[in-house]
Amino acid sequence: SKIMSLVESVINIAVGFGISLAAQMYFLPLLGVTVS
């Protein structure tokens, strides 16, 4: 259904955002990059 496609897309985007944020917070300091 259209609503389930929307739910799937929102969850996919939210998970991707969370993974991206966590990866940056972990890996950037390992590379010597300090950001807030």
PDB file of all heavy atoms in Angstrom:
ATOM      1  N   SER A   1       0.845  -1.195   0.000  1.00  0.00           N
ATOM      2  CA  SER A   1       0.000   0.000   0.000  1.00  0.00           C
ATOM      3  C   SER A   1       0.885   1.251   0.000  1.00  0.00           C
ATOM      4  O   SER A   1       2.060   1.208   0.367  1.00  0.00           O
ATOM      5  CB  SER A   1      -0.913   0.008   1.226  1.00  0.00           C
ATOM      6  OG  SER A   1      -0.155   0.222   2.400  1.00  0.00           O
ATOM      7  N   LYS A   2       0.292   2.362  -0.400  1.00  0.00           N
ATOM      8  CA  LYS A   2       1.040   3.626  -0.444  1.00  0.00           C
ATOM      9  C   LYS A   2       1.514   4.027   0.952  1.00  0.00           C
ATOM     10  O   LYS A   2       2.637   4.497   1.118  1.00  0.00           O
ATOM     11  CB  LYS A   2       0.183   4.729  -1.051  1.00  0.00           C
ATOM     12  CG  LYS A   2      -0.047   4.539  -2.531  1.00  0.00           C
ATOM     13  CD  LYS A   2      -0.924   5.626  -3.096  1.00  0.00           C
ATOM     14  CE  LYS A   2      -1.190   5.374  -4.575  1.00  0.00           C
ATOM     15  NZ  LYS A   2      -2.076   6.374  -5.155  1.00  0.00           N
ATOM     16  N   ILE A   3       0.680   3.822   1.952  1.00  0.00           N
ATOM     17  CA  ILE A   3       1.061   4.206   3.319  1.00  0.00           C
ATOM     18  C   ILE A   3       2.220   3.341   3.815  1.00  0.00           C
ATOM     19  O   ILE A   3       3.138   3.838   4.460  1.00  0.00           O
ATOM     20  CB  ILE A   3      -0.150   4.179   4.293  1.00  0.00           C
ATOM     21  CG1 ILE A   3       0.212   4.862   5.619  1.00  0.00           C
ATOM     22  CG2 ILE A   3      -0.619   2.779   4.550  1.00  0.00           C
ATOM     23  CD1 ILE A   3       0.304   6.339   5.532  1.00  0.00           C
ATOM     24  N   MET A   4       2.196   2.048   3.468  1.00  0.00           N
ATOM     25  CA  MET A   4       3.290   1.175   3.901  1.00  0.00           C
ATOM     26  C   MET A   4       4.577   1.511   3.146  1.00  0.00           C
ATOM     27  O   MET A   4       5.669   1.413   3.701  1.00  0.00           O
ATOM     28  CB  MET A   4       2.912  -0.295   3.717  1.00  0.00           C
ATOM     29  CG  MET A   4       1.926  -0.800   4.760  1.00  0.00           C
ATOM     30  SD  MET A   4       2.363  -0.376   6.482  1.00  0.00           S
ATOM     31  CE  MET A   4       3.897  -1.251   6.687  1.00  0.00           C
ATOM     32  N   SER A   5       4.458   1.930   1.878  1.00  0.00           N
ATOM     33  CA  SER A   5       5.641   2.385   1.139  1.00  0.00           C
ATOM     34  C   SER A   5       6.231   3.620   1.798  1.00  0.00           C
ATOM     35  O   SER A   5       7.448   3.751   1.929  1.00  0.00           O
ATOM     36  CB  SER A   5       5.275   2.705  -0.312  1.00  0.00           C
ATOM     37  OG  SER A   5       4.944   1.547  -1.014  1.00  0.00           O
ATOM     38  N   LEU A   6       5.352   4.523   2.241  1.00  0.00           N
ATOM     39  CA  LEU A   6       5.814   5.727   2.933  1.00  0.00           C
ATOM     40  C   LEU A   6       6.492   5.360   4.251  1.00  0.00           C
ATOM     41  O   LEU A   6       7.574   5.856   4.565  1.00  0.00           O
ATOM     42  CB  LEU A   6       4.650   6.681   3.173  1.00  0.00           C
ATOM     43  CG  LEU A   6       4.980   7.945   3.956  1.00  0.00           C
ATOM     44  CD1 LEU A   6       5.985   8.806   3.189  1.00  0.00           C
ATOM     45  CD2 LEU A   6       3.716   8.736   4.257  1.00  0.00           C
ATOM     46  N   VAL A   7       5.870   4.476   5.021  1.00  0.00           N
ATOM     47  CA  VAL A   7       6.446   4.040   6.306  1.00  0.00           C
ATOM     48  C   VAL A   7       7.812   3.403   6.072  1.00  0.00           C
ATOM     49  O   VAL A   7       8.783   3.702   6.777  1.00  0.00           O
ATOM     50  CB  VAL A   7       5.487   3.070   7.035  1.00  0.00           C
ATOM     51  CG1 VAL A   7       6.173   2.388   8.201  1.00  0.00           C
ATOM     52  CG2 VAL A   7       4.234   3.808   7.502  1.00  0.00           C
ATOM     53  N   GLU A   8       7.905   2.525   5.068  1.00  0.00           N
ATOM     54  CA  GLU A   8       9.181   1.868   4.761  1.00  0.00           C
ATOM     55  C   GLU A   8      10.243   2.900   4.391  1.00  0.00           C
ATOM     56  O   GLU A   8      11.387   2.823   4.845  1.00  0.00           O
ATOM     57  CB  GLU A   8       8.993   0.879   3.617  1.00  0.00           C
ATOM     58  CG  GLU A   8      10.282   0.162   3.238  1.00  0.00           C
ATOM     59  CD  GLU A   8      10.099  -0.790   2.067  1.00  0.00           C
ATOM     60  OE1 GLU A   8       8.972  -1.246   1.817  1.00  0.00           O
ATOM     61  OE2 GLU A   8      11.115  -1.079   1.413  1.00  0.00           O
ATOM     62  N   SER A   9       9.870   3.872   3.565  1.00  0.00           N
ATOM     63  CA  SER A   9      10.827   4.902   3.154  1.00  0.00           C
ATOM     64  C   SER A   9      11.299   5.738   4.335  1.00  0.00           C
ATOM     65  O   SER A   9      12.492   6.020   4.470  1.00  0.00           O
ATOM     66  CB  SER A   9      10.194   5.823   2.104  1.00  0.00           C
ATOM     67  OG  SER A   9       9.929   5.120   0.931  1.00  0.00           O
ATOM     68  N   VAL A  10      10.372   6.139   5.196  1.00  0.00           N
ATOM     69  CA  VAL A  10      10.733   6.959   6.361  1.00  0.00           C
ATOM     70  C   VAL A  10      11.663   6.174   7.288  1.00  0.00           C
ATOM     71  O   VAL A  10      12.674   6.708   7.766  1.00  0.00           O
ATOM     72  CB  VAL A  10       9.466   7.448   7.098  1.00  0.00           C
ATOM     73  CG1 VAL A  10       9.805   8.042   8.453  1.00  0.00           C
ATOM     74  CG2 VAL A  10       8.715   8.459   6.236  1.00  0.00           C
ATOM     75  N   ILE A  11      11.340   4.909   7.541  1.00  0.00           N
ATOM     76  CA  ILE A  11      12.193   4.090   8.406  1.00  0.00           C
ATOM     77  C   ILE A  11      13.570   3.911   7.775  1.00  0.00           C
ATOM     78  O   ILE A  11      14.602   4.026   8.449  1.00  0.00           O
ATOM     79  CB  ILE A  11      11.534   2.727   8.702  1.00  0.00           C
ATOM     80  CG1 ILE A  11      10.315   2.938   9.610  1.00  0.00           C
ATOM     81  CG2 ILE A  11      12.524   1.756   9.334  1.00  0.00           C
ATOM     82  CD1 ILE A  11       9.467   1.691   9.801  1.00  0.00           C
ATOM     83  N   ASN A  12      13.603   3.652   6.464  1.00  0.00           N
ATOM     84  CA  ASN A  12      14.871   3.490   5.762  1.00  0.00           C
ATOM     85  C   ASN A  12      15.720   4.754   5.874  1.00  0.00           C
ATOM     86  O   ASN A  12      16.923   4.691   6.154  1.00  0.00           O
ATOM     87  CB  ASN A  12      14.590   3.141   4.294  1.00  0.00           C
ATOM     88  CG  ASN A  12      15.841   2.764   3.531  1.00  0.00           C
ATOM     89  OD1 ASN A  12      16.893   2.531   4.097  1.00  0.00           O
ATOM     90  ND2 ASN A  12      15.708   2.710   2.222  1.00  0.00           N
ATOM     91  N   ILE A  13      15.110   5.906   5.685  1.00  0.00           N
ATOM     92  CA  ILE A  13      15.835   7.176   5.773  1.00  0.00           C
ATOM     93  C   ILE A  13      16.309   7.420   7.204  1.00  0.00           C
ATOM     94  O   ILE A  13      17.450   7.827   7.429  1.00  0.00           O
ATOM     95  CB  ILE A  13      14.946   8.336   5.274  1.00  0.00           C
ATOM     96  CG1 ILE A  13      14.743   8.212   3.762  1.00  0.00           C
ATOM     97  CG2 ILE A  13      15.536   9.689   5.645  1.00  0.00           C
ATOM     98  CD1 ILE A  13      13.648   9.093   3.209  1.00  0.00           C
ATOM     99  N   ALA A  14      15.455   7.154   8.190  1.00  0.00           N
ATOM    100  CA  ALA A  14      15.832   7.364   9.590  1.00  0.00           C
ATOM    101  C   ALA A  14      16.992   6.457   9.996  1.00  0.00           C
ATOM    102  O   ALA A  14      17.936   6.902  10.666  1.00  0.00           O
ATOM    103  CB  ALA A  14      14.633   7.130  10.503  1.00  0.00           C
ATOM    104  N   VAL A  15      16.949   5.215   9.584  1.00  0.00           N
ATOM    105  CA  VAL A  15      18.041   4.279   9.903  1.00  0.00           C
ATOM    106  C   VAL A  15      19.329   4.731   9.223  1.00  0.00           C
ATOM    107  O   VAL A  15      20.405   4.737   9.827  1.00  0.00           O
ATOM    108  CB  VAL A  15      17.658   2.833   9.508  1.00  0.00           C
ATOM    109  CG1 VAL A  15      18.868   1.917   9.535  1.00  0.00           C
ATOM    110  CG2 VAL A  15      16.559   2.306  10.421  1.00  0.00           C
ATOM    111  N   GLY A  16      19.231   5.128   7.948  1.00  0.00           N
ATOM    112  CA  GLY A  16      20.413   5.622   7.230  1.00  0.00           C
ATOM    113  C   GLY A  16      21.005   6.858   7.891  1.00  0.00           C
ATOM    114  O   GLY A  16      22.222   6.980   8.026  1.00  0.00           O
ATOM    115  N   PHE A  17      20.133   7.761   8.320  1.00  0.00           N
ATOM    116  CA  PHE A  17      20.588   8.963   9.013  1.00  0.00           C
ATOM    117  C   PHE A  17      21.319   8.590  10.308  1.00  0.00           C
ATOM    118  O   PHE A  17      22.399   9.106  10.595  1.00  0.00           O
ATOM    119  CB  PHE A  17      19.391   9.872   9.310  1.00  0.00           C
ATOM    120  CG  PHE A  17      19.735  11.101  10.089  1.00  0.00           C
ATOM    121  CD1 PHE A  17      20.297  12.197   9.454  1.00  0.00           C
ATOM    122  CD2 PHE A  17      19.509  11.160  11.458  1.00  0.00           C
ATOM    123  CE1 PHE A  17      20.614  13.338  10.167  1.00  0.00           C
ATOM    124  CE2 PHE A  17      19.834  12.295  12.170  1.00  0.00           C
ATOM    125  CZ  PHE A  17      20.387  13.385  11.532  1.00  0.00           C
ATOM    126  N   GLY A  18      20.729   7.684  11.073  1.00  0.00           N
ATOM    127  CA  GLY A  18      21.346   7.254  12.337  1.00  0.00           C
ATOM    128  C   GLY A  18      22.691   6.586  12.125  1.00  0.00           C
ATOM    129  O   GLY A  18      23.658   6.843  12.862  1.00  0.00           O
ATOM    130  N   ILE A  19      22.775   5.720  11.123  1.00  0.00           N
ATOM    131  CA  ILE A  19      24.051   5.042  10.827  1.00  0.00           C
ATOM    132  C   ILE A  19      25.095   6.063  10.399  1.00  0.00           C
ATOM    133  O   ILE A  19      26.253   6.002  10.832  1.00  0.00           O
ATOM    134  CB  ILE A  19      23.848   3.963   9.753  1.00  0.00           C
ATOM    135  CG1 ILE A  19      23.052   2.798  10.333  1.00  0.00           C
ATOM    136  CG2 ILE A  19      25.178   3.481   9.189  1.00  0.00           C
ATOM    137  CD1 ILE A  19      22.607   1.767   9.307  1.00  0.00           C
ATOM    138  N   SER A  20      24.697   7.004   9.544  1.00  0.00           N
ATOM    139  CA  SER A  20      25.628   8.037   9.085  1.00  0.00           C
ATOM    140  C   SER A  20      26.140   8.865  10.264  1.00  0.00           C
ATOM    141  O   SER A  20      27.345   9.111  10.390  1.00  0.00           O
ATOM    142  CB  SER A  20      24.925   8.940   8.068  1.00  0.00           C
ATOM    143  OG  SER A  20      25.760   9.999   7.681  1.00  0.00           O
ATOM    144  N   LEU A  21      25.236   9.267  11.143  1.00  0.00           N
ATOM    145  CA  LEU A  21      25.624  10.074  12.304  1.00  0.00           C
ATOM    146  C   LEU A  21      26.569   9.285  13.221  1.00  0.00           C
ATOM    147  O   LEU A  21      27.612   9.802  13.631  1.00  0.00           O
ATOM    148  CB  LEU A  21      24.371  10.514  13.066  1.00  0.00           C
ATOM    149  CG  LEU A  21      24.588  11.442  14.258  1.00  0.00           C
ATOM    150  CD1 LEU A  21      25.236  12.751  13.802  1.00  0.00           C
ATOM    151  CD2 LEU A  21      23.264  11.715  14.950  1.00  0.00           C
ATOM    152  N   ALA A  22      26.228   8.058  13.509  1.00  0.00           N
ATOM    153  CA  ALA A  22      27.071   7.231  14.391  1.00  0.00           C
ATOM    154  C   ALA A  22      28.442   6.976  13.766  1.00  0.00           C
ATOM    155  O   ALA A  22      29.474   7.034  14.458  1.00  0.00           O
ATOM    156  CB  ALA A  22      26.363   5.912  14.693  1.00  0.00           C
ATOM    157  N   ALA A  23      28.462   6.699  12.464  1.00  0.00           N
ATOM    158  CA  ALA A  23      29.740   6.439  11.790  1.00  0.00           C
ATOM    159  C   ALA A  23      30.637   7.675  11.830  1.00  0.00           C
ATOM    160  O   ALA A  23      31.849   7.571  12.085  1.00  0.00           O
ATOM    161  CB  ALA A  23      29.491   5.998  10.350  1.00  0.00           C
ATOM    162  N   GLN A  24      30.059   8.837  11.569  1.00  0.00           N
ATOM    163  CA  GLN A  24      30.840  10.068  11.617  1.00  0.00           C
ATOM    164  C   GLN A  24      31.389  10.308  13.015  1.00  0.00           C
ATOM    165  O   GLN A  24      32.559  10.686  13.180  1.00  0.00           O
ATOM    166  CB  GLN A  24      29.978  11.267  11.201  1.00  0.00           C
ATOM    167  CG  GLN A  24      29.650  11.328   9.762  1.00  0.00           C
ATOM    168  CD  GLN A  24      28.569  12.343   9.470  1.00  0.00           C
ATOM    169  OE1 GLN A  24      27.983  12.235   8.439  1.00  0.00           O
ATOM    170  NE2 GLN A  24      28.297  13.292  10.344  1.00  0.00           N
ATOM    171  N   MET A  25      30.554  10.122  14.027  1.00  0.00           N
ATOM    172  CA  MET A  25      30.991  10.374  15.405  1.00  0.00           C
ATOM    173  C   MET A  25      32.101   9.415  15.811  1.00  0.00           C
ATOM    174  O   MET A  25      32.965   9.767  16.622  1.00  0.00           O
ATOM    175  CB  MET A  25      29.799  10.269  16.356  1.00  0.00           C
ATOM    176  CG  MET A  25      28.803  11.401  16.175  1.00  0.00           C
ATOM    177  SD  MET A  25      27.324  11.245  17.178  1.00  0.00           S
ATOM    178  CE  MET A  25      28.012  11.344  18.820  1.00  0.00           C
ATOM    179  N   TYR A  26      32.110   8.204  15.219  1.00  0.00           N
ATOM    180  CA  TYR A  26      33.128   7.214  15.573  1.00  0.00           C
ATOM    181  C   TYR A  26      34.398   7.394  14.739  1.00  0.00           C
ATOM    182  O   TYR A  26      35.507   7.409  15.276  1.00  0.00           O
ATOM    183  CB  TYR A  26      32.557   5.797  15.389  1.00  0.00           C
ATOM    184  CG  TYR A  26      33.559   4.717  15.707  1.00  0.00           C
ATOM    185  CD1 TYR A  26      33.859   4.392  17.025  1.00  0.00           C
ATOM    186  CD2 TYR A  26      34.220   4.048  14.686  1.00  0.00           C
ATOM    187  CE1 TYR A  26      34.796   3.409  17.320  1.00  0.00           C
ATOM    188  CE2 TYR A  26      35.153   3.077  14.975  1.00  0.00           C
ATOM    189  CZ  TYR A  26      35.438   2.749  16.287  1.00  0.00           C
ATOM    190  OH  TYR A  26      36.366   1.790  16.585  1.00  0.00           O
ATOM    191  N   PHE A  27      34.229   7.517  13.418  1.00  0.00           N
ATOM    192  CA  PHE A  27      35.392   7.474  12.537  1.00  0.00           C
ATOM    193  C   PHE A  27      36.114   8.812  12.372  1.00  0.00           C
ATOM    194  O   PHE A  27      37.334   8.821  12.189  1.00  0.00           O
ATOM    195  CB  PHE A  27      34.999   6.943  11.147  1.00  0.00           C
ATOM    196  CG  PHE A  27      34.690   5.481  11.155  1.00  0.00           C
ATOM    197  CD1 PHE A  27      33.396   5.033  10.995  1.00  0.00           C
ATOM    198  CD2 PHE A  27      35.691   4.539  11.345  1.00  0.00           C
ATOM    199  CE1 PHE A  27      33.104   3.682  11.006  1.00  0.00           C
ATOM    200  CE2 PHE A  27      35.415   3.185  11.364  1.00  0.00           C
ATOM    201  CZ  PHE A  27      34.106   2.744  11.194  1.00  0.00           C
ATOM    202  N   LEU A  28      35.397   9.924  12.401  1.00  0.00           N
ATOM    203  CA  LEU A  28      36.083  11.202  12.199  1.00  0.00           C
ATOM    204  C   LEU A  28      37.155  11.453  13.259  1.00  0.00           C
ATOM    205  O   LEU A  28      38.278  11.851  12.915  1.00  0.00           O
ATOM    206  CB  LEU A  28      35.072  12.355  12.132  1.00  0.00           C
ATOM    207  CG  LEU A  28      34.237  12.424  10.835  1.00  0.00           C
ATOM    208  CD1 LEU A  28      33.243  13.577  10.891  1.00  0.00           C
ATOM    209  CD2 LEU A  28      35.127  12.534   9.617  1.00  0.00           C
ATOM    210  N   PRO A  29      36.884  11.204  14.563  1.00  0.00           N
ATOM    211  CA  PRO A  29      37.967  11.382  15.543  1.00  0.00           C
ATOM    212  C   PRO A  29      39.150  10.429  15.304  1.00  0.00           C
ATOM    213  O   PRO A  29      40.298  10.794  15.560  1.00  0.00           O
ATOM    214  CB  PRO A  29      37.289  11.073  16.887  1.00  0.00           C
ATOM    215  CG  PRO A  29      35.848  11.401  16.654  1.00  0.00           C
ATOM    216  CD  PRO A  29      35.601  11.000  15.228  1.00  0.00           C
ATOM    217  N   LEU A  30      38.886   9.233  14.800  1.00  0.00           N
ATOM    218  CA  LEU A  30      39.978   8.303  14.484  1.00  0.00           C
ATOM    219  C   LEU A  30      40.868   8.841  13.373  1.00  0.00           C
ATOM    220  O   LEU A  30      42.052   8.508  13.295  1.00  0.00           O
ATOM    221  CB  LEU A  30      39.431   6.930  14.069  1.00  0.00           C
ATOM    222  CG  LEU A  30      38.724   6.116  15.146  1.00  0.00           C
ATOM    223  CD1 LEU A  30      38.169   4.822  14.559  1.00  0.00           C
ATOM    224  CD2 LEU A  30      39.681   5.812  16.294  1.00  0.00           C
ATOM    225  N   LEU A  31      40.286   9.681  12.526  1.00  0.00           N
ATOM    226  CA  LEU A  31      41.037  10.290  11.432  1.00  0.00           C
ATOM    227  C   LEU A  31      41.633  11.644  11.828  1.00  0.00           C
ATOM    228  O   LEU A  31      42.217  12.344  11.003  1.00  0.00           O
ATOM    229  CB  LEU A  31      40.129  10.474  10.211  1.00  0.00           C
ATOM    230  CG  LEU A  31      39.558   9.183   9.616  1.00  0.00           C
ATOM    231  CD1 LEU A  31      38.521   9.505   8.553  1.00  0.00           C
ATOM    232  CD2 LEU A  31      40.682   8.346   9.034  1.00  0.00           C
ATOM    233  N   GLY A  32      41.440  12.024  13.088  1.00  0.00           N
ATOM    234  CA  GLY A  32      41.985  13.284  13.580  1.00  0.00           C
ATOM    235  C   GLY A  32      41.124  14.493  13.280  1.00  0.00           C
ATOM    236  O   GLY A  32      41.583  15.623  13.388  1.00  0.00           O
ATOM    237  N   VAL A  33      39.880  14.253  12.894  1.00  0.00           N
ATOM    238  CA  VAL A  33      38.965  15.360  12.593  1.00  0.00           C
ATOM    239  C   VAL A  33      38.044  15.546  13.794  1.00  0.00           C
ATOM    240  O   VAL A  33      37.328  14.632  14.193  1.00  0.00           O
ATOM    241  CB  VAL A  33      38.124  15.071  11.325  1.00  0.00           C
ATOM    242  CG1 VAL A  33      37.160  16.200  11.049  1.00  0.00           C
ATOM    243  CG2 VAL A  33      39.036  14.816  10.136  1.00  0.00           C
ATOM    244  N   THR A  34      38.068  16.743  14.358  1.00  0.00           N
ATOM    245  CA  THR A  34      37.240  17.030  15.517  1.00  0.00           C
ATOM    246  C   THR A  34      36.116  17.976  15.097  1.00  0.00           C
ATOM    247  O   THR A  34      36.378  19.071  14.607  1.00  0.00           O
ATOM    248  CB  THR A  34      38.073  17.679  16.634  1.00  0.00           C
ATOM    249  OG1 THR A  34      39.195  16.844  16.907  1.00  0.00           O
ATOM    250  CG2 THR A  34      37.252  17.858  17.892  1.00  0.00           C
ATOM    251  N   VAL A  35      34.896  17.503  15.278  1.00  0.00           N
ATOM    252  CA  VAL A  35      33.729  18.338  14.973  1.00  0.00           C
ATOM    253  C   VAL A  35      32.739  18.197  16.118  1.00  0.00           C
ATOM    254  O   VAL A  35      32.709  17.178  16.816  1.00  0.00           O
ATOM    255  CB  VAL A  35      33.059  17.951  13.627  1.00  0.00           C
ATOM    256  CG1 VAL A  35      33.953  18.289  12.453  1.00  0.00           C
ATOM    257  CG2 VAL A  35      32.681  16.509  13.594  1.00  0.00           C
ATOM    258  N   SER A  36      31.908  19.217  16.291  1.00  0.00           N
ATOM    259  CA  SER A  36      30.916  19.178  17.366  1.00  0.00           C
ATOM    260  C   SER A  36      29.763  18.247  16.974  1.00  0.00           C
ATOM    261  O   SER A  36      29.593  17.889  15.801  1.00  0.00           O
ATOM    262  CB  SER A  36      30.369  20.584  17.622  1.00  0.00           C
ATOM    263  OG  SER A  36      29.582  21.003  16.512  1.00  0.00           O
TER     264      SER A  36
END
